[in-house]
Amino acid sequence: MIDELLRKQLYVKSSYMIERCRIETGFNVTRRTIQLDIYAMKNDSFLGFYAPIDYYNSRKAYYYSDKEYVLNRFYHFSVEIDRLEKLILYYRDSIALIYLRELLEITARIRSAGEVSR
């Protein structure tokens, strides 16, 4: 969601991101959630996005400092993620509980990153 908004508009305020998330997902998110998600998009080595997101103080809005940036060079399709989740649940008795949770969290993160639409 954040990536989509940043690609569509030059500058995006946190309040707008919060409202769009509420409309699109039906869930309320906080400004802190948006800040943490942006931080993860910029710095999280697990995600590996290293998004060039900057904050413009005078506009109080976020923007991509590199207009050519693409969040992810590969795309996940909803069907593939659904199949992966089904496989994980099918083999849940064979997978250690810690790995089961981790695998389900990974698929949830992929979905929440906006790469997959339901």
N, C-alpha and C. Protein backbone atom coordinates (compact mmCIF):
# COMPACT_ATOMS: atom_id res chain seq x y z
N MET A 1 0.82 -1.18 0.00
CA MET A 1 0.00 0.00 0.00
C MET A 1 0.87 1.26 0.00
N ILE A 2 1.88 1.29 0.87
CA ILE A 2 2.75 2.46 0.96
C ILE A 2 3.48 2.67 -0.36
N ASP A 3 4.04 1.61 -0.91
CA ASP A 3 4.74 1.71 -2.19
C ASP A 3 3.81 2.24 -3.28
N GLU A 4 2.63 1.70 -3.34
CA GLU A 4 1.66 2.12 -4.35
C GLU A 4 1.37 3.62 -4.24
N LEU A 5 1.16 4.09 -3.04
CA LEU A 5 0.88 5.52 -2.82
C LEU A 5 2.08 6.38 -3.21
N LEU A 6 3.27 5.94 -2.84
CA LEU A 6 4.48 6.71 -3.16
C LEU A 6 4.77 6.74 -4.66
N ARG A 7 4.38 5.70 -5.36
CA ARG A 7 4.60 5.68 -6.81
C ARG A 7 3.58 6.57 -7.53
N LYS A 8 2.38 6.67 -6.96
CA LYS A 8 1.32 7.44 -7.62
C LYS A 8 1.39 8.94 -7.36
N GLN A 9 1.97 9.32 -6.22
CA GLN A 9 2.00 10.73 -5.86
C GLN A 9 3.43 11.14 -5.53
N LEU A 10 3.71 12.39 -5.76
CA LEU A 10 5.05 12.89 -5.49
C LEU A 10 5.34 12.91 -3.99
N TYR A 11 4.40 13.40 -3.19
CA TYR A 11 4.54 13.46 -1.73
C TYR A 11 3.29 12.87 -1.09
N VAL A 12 3.50 12.08 -0.04
CA VAL A 12 2.36 11.43 0.63
C VAL A 12 2.48 11.63 2.14
N LYS A 13 1.42 12.19 2.71
CA LYS A 13 1.38 12.41 4.16
C LYS A 13 0.98 11.12 4.87
N SER A 14 1.46 10.97 6.10
CA SER A 14 1.11 9.80 6.91
C SER A 14 -0.39 9.68 7.08
N SER A 15 -1.05 10.78 7.30
CA SER A 15 -2.50 10.76 7.51
C SER A 15 -3.23 10.18 6.30
N TYR A 16 -2.73 10.48 5.09
CA TYR A 16 -3.33 9.93 3.88
C TYR A 16 -3.08 8.42 3.80
N MET A 17 -1.87 7.99 4.15
CA MET A 17 -1.55 6.56 4.14
C MET A 17 -2.46 5.81 5.11
N ILE A 18 -2.67 6.39 6.28
CA ILE A 18 -3.52 5.77 7.30
C ILE A 18 -4.94 5.61 6.77
N GLU A 19 -5.46 6.66 6.16
CA GLU A 19 -6.82 6.63 5.62
C GLU A 19 -6.96 5.61 4.49
N ARG A 20 -5.98 5.57 3.59
CA ARG A 20 -6.03 4.61 2.47
C ARG A 20 -5.96 3.17 2.99
N CYS A 21 -5.12 2.93 3.98
CA CYS A 21 -5.04 1.59 4.57
C CYS A 21 -6.38 1.19 5.18
N ARG A 22 -7.02 2.12 5.86
CA ARG A 22 -8.32 1.83 6.48
C ARG A 22 -9.35 1.50 5.41
N ILE A 23 -9.37 2.29 4.34
CA ILE A 23 -10.34 2.07 3.26
C ILE A 23 -10.06 0.76 2.54
N GLU A 24 -8.81 0.52 2.19
CA GLU A 24 -8.45 -0.66 1.39
C GLU A 24 -8.53 -1.97 2.17
N THR A 25 -8.14 -1.95 3.43
CA THR A 25 -8.07 -3.21 4.19
C THR A 25 -9.19 -3.37 5.21
N GLY A 26 -9.81 -2.26 5.60
CA GLY A 26 -10.84 -2.34 6.64
C GLY A 26 -10.25 -2.33 8.04
N PHE A 27 -8.93 -2.18 8.15
CA PHE A 27 -8.26 -2.15 9.45
C PHE A 27 -7.75 -0.74 9.73
N ASN A 28 -7.82 -0.36 10.99
CA ASN A 28 -7.25 0.91 11.40
C ASN A 28 -5.77 0.70 11.72
N VAL A 29 -4.94 1.56 11.20
CA VAL A 29 -3.53 1.53 11.52
C VAL A 29 -3.15 2.87 12.14
N THR A 30 -2.08 2.87 12.87
CA THR A 30 -1.63 4.10 13.53
C THR A 30 -0.50 4.73 12.74
N ARG A 31 -0.20 5.97 13.07
CA ARG A 31 0.93 6.67 12.46
C ARG A 31 2.21 5.90 12.76
N ARG A 32 2.30 5.34 13.96
CA ARG A 32 3.48 4.57 14.35
C ARG A 32 3.64 3.33 13.46
N THR A 33 2.54 2.67 13.12
CA THR A 33 2.58 1.51 12.24
C THR A 33 3.14 1.91 10.87
N ILE A 34 2.67 3.03 10.35
CA ILE A 34 3.17 3.52 9.07
C ILE A 34 4.66 3.81 9.17
N GLN A 35 5.08 4.46 10.25
CA GLN A 35 6.49 4.78 10.43
C GLN A 35 7.34 3.51 10.50
N LEU A 36 6.85 2.51 11.22
CA LEU A 36 7.59 1.24 11.33
C LEU A 36 7.65 0.51 10.00
N ASP A 37 6.55 0.56 9.25
CA ASP A 37 6.55 -0.09 7.94
C ASP A 37 7.53 0.61 6.99
N ILE A 38 7.55 1.92 7.02
CA ILE A 38 8.50 2.66 6.18
C ILE A 38 9.93 2.36 6.60
N TYR A 39 10.16 2.31 7.90
CA TYR A 39 11.50 1.96 8.39
C TYR A 39 11.91 0.57 7.88
N ALA A 40 10.98 -0.38 7.96
CA ALA A 40 11.27 -1.73 7.48
C ALA A 40 11.53 -1.74 5.98
N MET A 41 10.74 -0.99 5.24
CA MET A 41 10.94 -0.92 3.79
C MET A 41 12.32 -0.36 3.45
N LYS A 42 12.81 0.54 4.28
CA LYS A 42 14.11 1.17 4.03
C LYS A 42 15.28 0.33 4.53
N ASN A 43 15.10 -0.37 5.67
CA ASN A 43 16.26 -0.93 6.38
C ASN A 43 16.25 -2.43 6.64
N ASP A 44 15.13 -3.08 6.55
CA ASP A 44 15.04 -4.48 6.95
C ASP A 44 15.75 -5.38 5.95
N SER A 45 16.81 -6.05 6.41
CA SER A 45 17.59 -6.92 5.52
C SER A 45 16.82 -8.17 5.12
N PHE A 46 15.87 -8.60 5.96
CA PHE A 46 15.05 -9.76 5.60
C PHE A 46 14.17 -9.43 4.39
N LEU A 47 13.52 -8.27 4.44
CA LEU A 47 12.69 -7.86 3.30
C LEU A 47 13.56 -7.55 2.09
N GLY A 48 14.68 -6.88 2.33
CA GLY A 48 15.61 -6.58 1.25
C GLY A 48 15.13 -5.54 0.26
N PHE A 49 14.16 -4.71 0.62
CA PHE A 49 13.65 -3.70 -0.31
C PHE A 49 14.61 -2.51 -0.42
N TYR A 50 15.15 -2.08 0.71
CA TYR A 50 16.04 -0.92 0.77
C TYR A 50 15.47 0.26 -0.03
N ALA A 51 14.21 0.53 0.23
CA ALA A 51 13.48 1.57 -0.48
C ALA A 51 14.05 2.97 -0.17
N PRO A 52 14.26 3.78 -1.20
CA PRO A 52 14.80 5.13 -1.00
C PRO A 52 13.69 6.12 -0.60
N ILE A 53 13.11 5.88 0.57
CA ILE A 53 12.02 6.74 1.05
C ILE A 53 12.62 7.81 1.94
N ASP A 54 12.29 9.04 1.63
CA ASP A 54 12.75 10.18 2.44
C ASP A 54 11.54 10.96 2.93
N TYR A 55 11.80 11.83 3.89
CA TYR A 55 10.75 12.66 4.47
C TYR A 55 11.07 14.12 4.19
N TYR A 56 10.11 14.83 3.63
CA TYR A 56 10.26 16.24 3.31
C TYR A 56 9.60 17.04 4.42
N ASN A 57 10.42 17.63 5.31
CA ASN A 57 9.92 18.32 6.50
C ASN A 57 8.93 19.43 6.21
N SER A 58 9.24 20.28 5.25
CA SER A 58 8.35 21.42 5.01
C SER A 58 6.98 20.99 4.50
N ARG A 59 6.91 19.86 3.82
CA ARG A 59 5.62 19.34 3.34
C ARG A 59 5.02 18.32 4.32
N LYS A 60 5.84 17.88 5.26
CA LYS A 60 5.45 16.85 6.21
C LYS A 60 4.88 15.63 5.48
N ALA A 61 5.69 15.16 4.53
CA ALA A 61 5.25 14.05 3.68
C ALA A 61 6.45 13.20 3.25
N TYR A 62 6.15 11.96 2.89
CA TYR A 62 7.16 11.02 2.42
C TYR A 62 7.20 11.03 0.89
N TYR A 63 8.35 10.63 0.35
CA TYR A 63 8.49 10.54 -1.09
C TYR A 63 9.64 9.57 -1.42
N TYR A 64 9.63 9.09 -2.66
CA TYR A 64 10.75 8.29 -3.15
C TYR A 64 11.81 9.25 -3.67
N SER A 65 13.01 9.17 -3.13
CA SER A 65 14.09 10.04 -3.60
C SER A 65 14.62 9.57 -4.96
N ASP A 66 14.42 8.30 -5.28
CA ASP A 66 14.80 7.75 -6.58
C ASP A 66 13.51 7.38 -7.31
N LYS A 67 13.16 8.17 -8.30
CA LYS A 67 11.90 7.97 -9.04
C LYS A 67 11.90 6.69 -9.87
N GLU A 68 13.06 6.12 -10.12
CA GLU A 68 13.17 4.89 -10.91
C GLU A 68 13.09 3.63 -10.06
N TYR A 69 13.04 3.80 -8.75
CA TYR A 69 13.04 2.66 -7.83
C TYR A 69 11.81 1.79 -8.03
N VAL A 70 12.03 0.48 -8.00
CA VAL A 70 10.95 -0.50 -8.04
C VAL A 70 11.05 -1.31 -6.76
N LEU A 71 9.97 -1.38 -6.01
CA LEU A 71 9.98 -2.03 -4.70
C LEU A 71 10.56 -3.43 -4.76
N ASN A 72 10.12 -4.21 -5.70
CA ASN A 72 10.55 -5.59 -5.76
C ASN A 72 10.70 -5.99 -7.21
N ARG A 73 11.81 -6.57 -7.54
CA ARG A 73 12.07 -6.93 -8.93
C ARG A 73 11.34 -8.22 -9.34
N PHE A 74 10.80 -8.94 -8.38
CA PHE A 74 10.01 -10.12 -8.72
C PHE A 74 8.63 -9.96 -8.09
N TYR A 75 7.64 -10.59 -8.67
CA TYR A 75 6.27 -10.43 -8.20
C TYR A 75 5.69 -11.79 -7.80
N HIS A 76 4.96 -11.76 -6.72
CA HIS A 76 4.30 -12.96 -6.24
C HIS A 76 2.85 -12.90 -6.69
N PHE A 77 2.34 -14.01 -7.12
CA PHE A 77 0.96 -14.04 -7.55
C PHE A 77 0.11 -14.68 -6.46
N SER A 78 -1.10 -14.19 -6.34
CA SER A 78 -2.00 -14.63 -5.29
C SER A 78 -2.17 -16.14 -5.27
N VAL A 79 -2.30 -16.74 -6.42
CA VAL A 79 -2.49 -18.20 -6.50
C VAL A 79 -1.28 -18.92 -5.91
N GLU A 80 -0.09 -18.45 -6.22
CA GLU A 80 1.13 -19.08 -5.72
C GLU A 80 1.22 -18.96 -4.20
N ILE A 81 0.88 -17.81 -3.67
CA ILE A 81 0.91 -17.62 -2.22
C ILE A 81 -0.15 -18.49 -1.56
N ASP A 82 -1.33 -18.56 -2.15
CA ASP A 82 -2.38 -19.44 -1.61
C ASP A 82 -1.92 -20.89 -1.57
N ARG A 83 -1.28 -21.34 -2.64
CA ARG A 83 -0.77 -22.73 -2.68
C ARG A 83 0.30 -22.95 -1.62
N LEU A 84 1.19 -21.98 -1.46
CA LEU A 84 2.23 -22.08 -0.44
C LEU A 84 1.61 -22.20 0.95
N GLU A 85 0.62 -21.37 1.24
CA GLU A 85 -0.06 -21.44 2.54
C GLU A 85 -0.73 -22.80 2.74
N LYS A 86 -1.37 -23.32 1.70
CA LYS A 86 -2.02 -24.63 1.80
C LYS A 86 -1.00 -25.73 2.06
N LEU A 87 0.14 -25.67 1.37
CA LEU A 87 1.20 -26.65 1.60
C LEU A 87 1.72 -26.58 3.03
N ILE A 88 1.92 -25.38 3.52
CA ILE A 88 2.40 -25.21 4.89
C ILE A 88 1.41 -25.83 5.87
N LEU A 89 0.13 -25.55 5.67
CA LEU A 89 -0.88 -26.09 6.57
C LEU A 89 -1.03 -27.61 6.41
N TYR A 90 -0.87 -28.11 5.20
CA TYR A 90 -0.97 -29.54 4.95
C TYR A 90 0.14 -30.30 5.69
N TYR A 91 1.34 -29.73 5.68
CA TYR A 91 2.48 -30.38 6.32
C TYR A 91 2.73 -29.88 7.74
N ARG A 92 1.75 -29.21 8.31
CA ARG A 92 1.96 -28.61 9.64
C ARG A 92 2.35 -29.61 10.71
N ASP A 93 1.89 -30.85 10.60
CA ASP A 93 2.24 -31.87 11.59
C ASP A 93 3.70 -32.31 11.46
N SER A 94 4.27 -32.09 10.27
CA SER A 94 5.67 -32.47 10.03
C SER A 94 6.64 -31.33 10.29
N ILE A 95 6.11 -30.12 10.42
CA ILE A 95 6.96 -28.95 10.59
C ILE A 95 6.98 -28.55 12.07
N ALA A 96 8.15 -28.29 12.58
CA ALA A 96 8.27 -27.82 13.97
C ALA A 96 7.44 -26.55 14.12
N LEU A 97 6.80 -26.41 15.27
CA LEU A 97 5.89 -25.29 15.51
C LEU A 97 6.54 -23.93 15.25
N ILE A 98 7.78 -23.77 15.65
CA ILE A 98 8.46 -22.49 15.43
C ILE A 98 8.60 -22.18 13.94
N TYR A 99 8.89 -23.21 13.13
CA TYR A 99 9.02 -23.00 11.70
C TYR A 99 7.66 -22.79 11.05
N LEU A 100 6.64 -23.45 11.55
CA LEU A 100 5.29 -23.28 11.03
C LEU A 100 4.86 -21.82 11.20
N ARG A 101 5.03 -21.30 12.39
CA ARG A 101 4.68 -19.89 12.64
C ARG A 101 5.48 -18.96 11.73
N GLU A 102 6.77 -19.24 11.61
CA GLU A 102 7.63 -18.40 10.80
C GLU A 102 7.20 -18.42 9.33
N LEU A 103 6.90 -19.59 8.81
CA LEU A 103 6.46 -19.69 7.42
C LEU A 103 5.14 -18.96 7.19
N LEU A 104 4.21 -19.09 8.13
CA LEU A 104 2.94 -18.38 8.00
C LEU A 104 3.13 -16.87 8.11
N GLU A 105 4.05 -16.45 8.95
CA GLU A 105 4.36 -15.01 9.07
C GLU A 105 4.99 -14.49 7.78
N ILE A 106 5.82 -15.28 7.16
CA ILE A 106 6.45 -14.87 5.91
C ILE A 106 5.39 -14.65 4.83
N THR A 107 4.47 -15.60 4.69
CA THR A 107 3.42 -15.43 3.68
C THR A 107 2.54 -14.23 4.01
N ALA A 108 2.29 -13.99 5.28
CA ALA A 108 1.50 -12.81 5.68
C ALA A 108 2.24 -11.52 5.33
N ARG A 109 3.56 -11.50 5.55
CA ARG A 109 4.35 -10.32 5.21
C ARG A 109 4.35 -10.05 3.71
N ILE A 110 4.40 -11.11 2.92
CA ILE A 110 4.38 -10.94 1.47
C ILE A 110 3.05 -10.30 1.07
N ARG A 111 1.97 -10.80 1.64
CA ARG A 111 0.65 -10.23 1.34
C ARG A 111 0.57 -8.77 1.78
N SER A 112 1.02 -8.49 3.00
CA SER A 112 0.90 -7.13 3.54
C SER A 112 1.82 -6.14 2.84
N ALA A 113 2.85 -6.65 2.16
CA ALA A 113 3.76 -5.75 1.44
C ALA A 113 3.11 -5.18 0.19
N GLY A 114 1.92 -5.65 -0.11
CA GLY A 114 1.22 -5.11 -1.25
C GLY A 114 1.56 -5.78 -2.55
N GLU A 115 2.38 -6.83 -2.50
CA GLU A 115 2.76 -7.51 -3.72
C GLU A 115 1.67 -8.44 -4.22
N VAL A 116 0.77 -8.80 -3.31
CA VAL A 116 -0.29 -9.76 -3.67
C VAL A 116 -1.62 -9.13 -3.37
N SER A 117 -2.51 -9.19 -4.30
CA SER A 117 -3.86 -8.72 -4.03
C SER A 117 -4.80 -9.92 -4.01
N ARG A 118 -5.74 -9.87 -3.14
CA ARG A 118 -6.71 -10.97 -3.02
C ARG A 118 -7.89 -10.71 -3.91
